[in-house]
Structure formats: structure tokens, C-alpha cells
N, C-alpha and C. Protein backbone atom coordinates (compact mmCIF):
# COMPACT_ATOMS: atom_id res chain seq x y z
N GLY A 1 22.18 -15.95 -40.97
CA GLY A 1 21.48 -17.00 -40.25
C GLY A 1 20.04 -16.63 -39.96
N SER A 2 19.39 -17.41 -39.11
CA SER A 2 17.98 -17.17 -38.79
C SER A 2 17.84 -15.89 -37.97
N GLN A 3 18.85 -15.58 -37.14
CA GLN A 3 18.77 -14.39 -36.31
C GLN A 3 18.75 -13.13 -37.18
N TYR A 4 19.56 -13.12 -38.24
CA TYR A 4 19.61 -11.96 -39.12
C TYR A 4 18.28 -11.79 -39.85
N SER A 5 17.67 -12.90 -40.25
CA SER A 5 16.38 -12.82 -40.96
C SER A 5 15.30 -12.30 -40.02
N CYS A 6 15.38 -12.65 -38.73
CA CYS A 6 14.40 -12.16 -37.76
C CYS A 6 14.55 -10.66 -37.59
N ILE A 7 15.80 -10.19 -37.52
CA ILE A 7 16.04 -8.75 -37.38
C ILE A 7 15.56 -8.03 -38.63
N TYR A 8 15.77 -8.65 -39.81
CA TYR A 8 15.34 -8.05 -41.07
C TYR A 8 13.83 -7.96 -41.12
N CYS A 9 13.15 -9.03 -40.66
CA CYS A 9 11.68 -9.03 -40.66
C CYS A 9 11.16 -7.98 -39.69
N TYR A 10 11.81 -7.83 -38.54
CA TYR A 10 11.38 -6.85 -37.55
C TYR A 10 11.52 -5.44 -38.12
N CYS A 11 12.65 -5.17 -38.79
CA CYS A 11 12.88 -3.85 -39.36
C CYS A 11 11.89 -3.58 -40.48
N THR A 12 11.54 -4.62 -41.24
CA THR A 12 10.60 -4.45 -42.35
C THR A 12 9.20 -4.17 -41.84
N LEU A 13 8.81 -4.85 -40.75
CA LEU A 13 7.47 -4.66 -40.21
C LEU A 13 7.32 -3.28 -39.58
N HIS A 14 8.41 -2.76 -39.00
CA HIS A 14 8.33 -1.51 -38.27
C HIS A 14 9.03 -0.37 -39.01
N SER A 15 9.34 -0.57 -40.29
CA SER A 15 10.07 0.46 -41.03
C SER A 15 9.19 1.70 -41.23
N ARG A 16 7.87 1.49 -41.40
CA ARG A 16 6.98 2.62 -41.65
C ARG A 16 6.87 3.50 -40.42
N SER A 17 6.68 2.89 -39.24
CA SER A 17 6.55 3.67 -38.01
C SER A 17 7.88 4.31 -37.64
N TYR A 18 9.00 3.62 -37.97
CA TYR A 18 10.33 4.16 -37.67
C TYR A 18 10.61 5.37 -38.54
N PHE A 19 10.20 5.30 -39.82
CA PHE A 19 10.40 6.42 -40.72
C PHE A 19 9.56 7.61 -40.26
N PHE A 20 8.34 7.34 -39.80
CA PHE A 20 7.46 8.40 -39.30
C PHE A 20 8.08 9.05 -38.06
N PHE A 21 8.74 8.25 -37.22
CA PHE A 21 9.39 8.76 -36.01
C PHE A 21 10.54 9.69 -36.38
N LEU A 22 11.35 9.29 -37.38
CA LEU A 22 12.45 10.13 -37.82
C LEU A 22 11.93 11.40 -38.47
N LEU A 23 10.80 11.29 -39.17
CA LEU A 23 10.24 12.46 -39.84
C LEU A 23 9.79 13.50 -38.82
N ILE A 24 9.21 13.05 -37.71
CA ILE A 24 8.77 13.96 -36.65
C ILE A 24 9.97 14.69 -36.04
N ILE A 25 11.07 13.94 -35.80
CA ILE A 25 12.27 14.55 -35.23
C ILE A 25 12.84 15.58 -36.20
N TYR A 26 12.81 15.26 -37.50
CA TYR A 26 13.35 16.18 -38.51
C TYR A 26 12.52 17.46 -38.56
N VAL A 27 11.20 17.33 -38.51
CA VAL A 27 10.32 18.49 -38.56
C VAL A 27 10.53 19.36 -37.32
N LYS A 28 10.68 18.72 -36.16
CA LYS A 28 10.89 19.49 -34.93
C LYS A 28 12.21 20.25 -34.98
N THR A 29 13.25 19.60 -35.53
CA THR A 29 14.56 20.24 -35.61
C THR A 29 14.52 21.43 -36.56
N VAL A 30 13.86 21.27 -37.70
CA VAL A 30 13.77 22.36 -38.68
C VAL A 30 12.95 23.51 -38.12
N SER A 31 11.88 23.19 -37.42
CA SER A 31 11.02 24.24 -36.87
C SER A 31 11.74 25.02 -35.78
N GLN A 32 12.62 24.36 -35.04
CA GLN A 32 13.37 25.04 -33.99
C GLN A 32 14.44 25.94 -34.60
N ASN A 33 15.05 25.51 -35.70
CA ASN A 33 16.07 26.31 -36.36
C ASN A 33 15.45 27.56 -36.97
N ASN A 34 14.25 27.45 -37.47
CA ASN A 34 13.59 28.60 -38.07
C ASN A 34 12.89 29.41 -36.98
């Protein structure tokens, strides 16, 4: 429905910043393990 398309558009618009956020968490986790 329209609600799903809105959620899809929101995820598409913010996918780059969300990926960058996950990348920072991954780098912090790896740096702590080492």
C-alpha cells in the first residue's frame, strides 16, 4: 500500500547515512577487539 511505499522511500533517502552509521559501529567494534 501507500504506507509501505512511504517507508521504502524513507529508507531509500536515508540508506546512505544509515550505512555510514553501521560502518562507524563496525569500525569501533573491530578497533576494540584489536
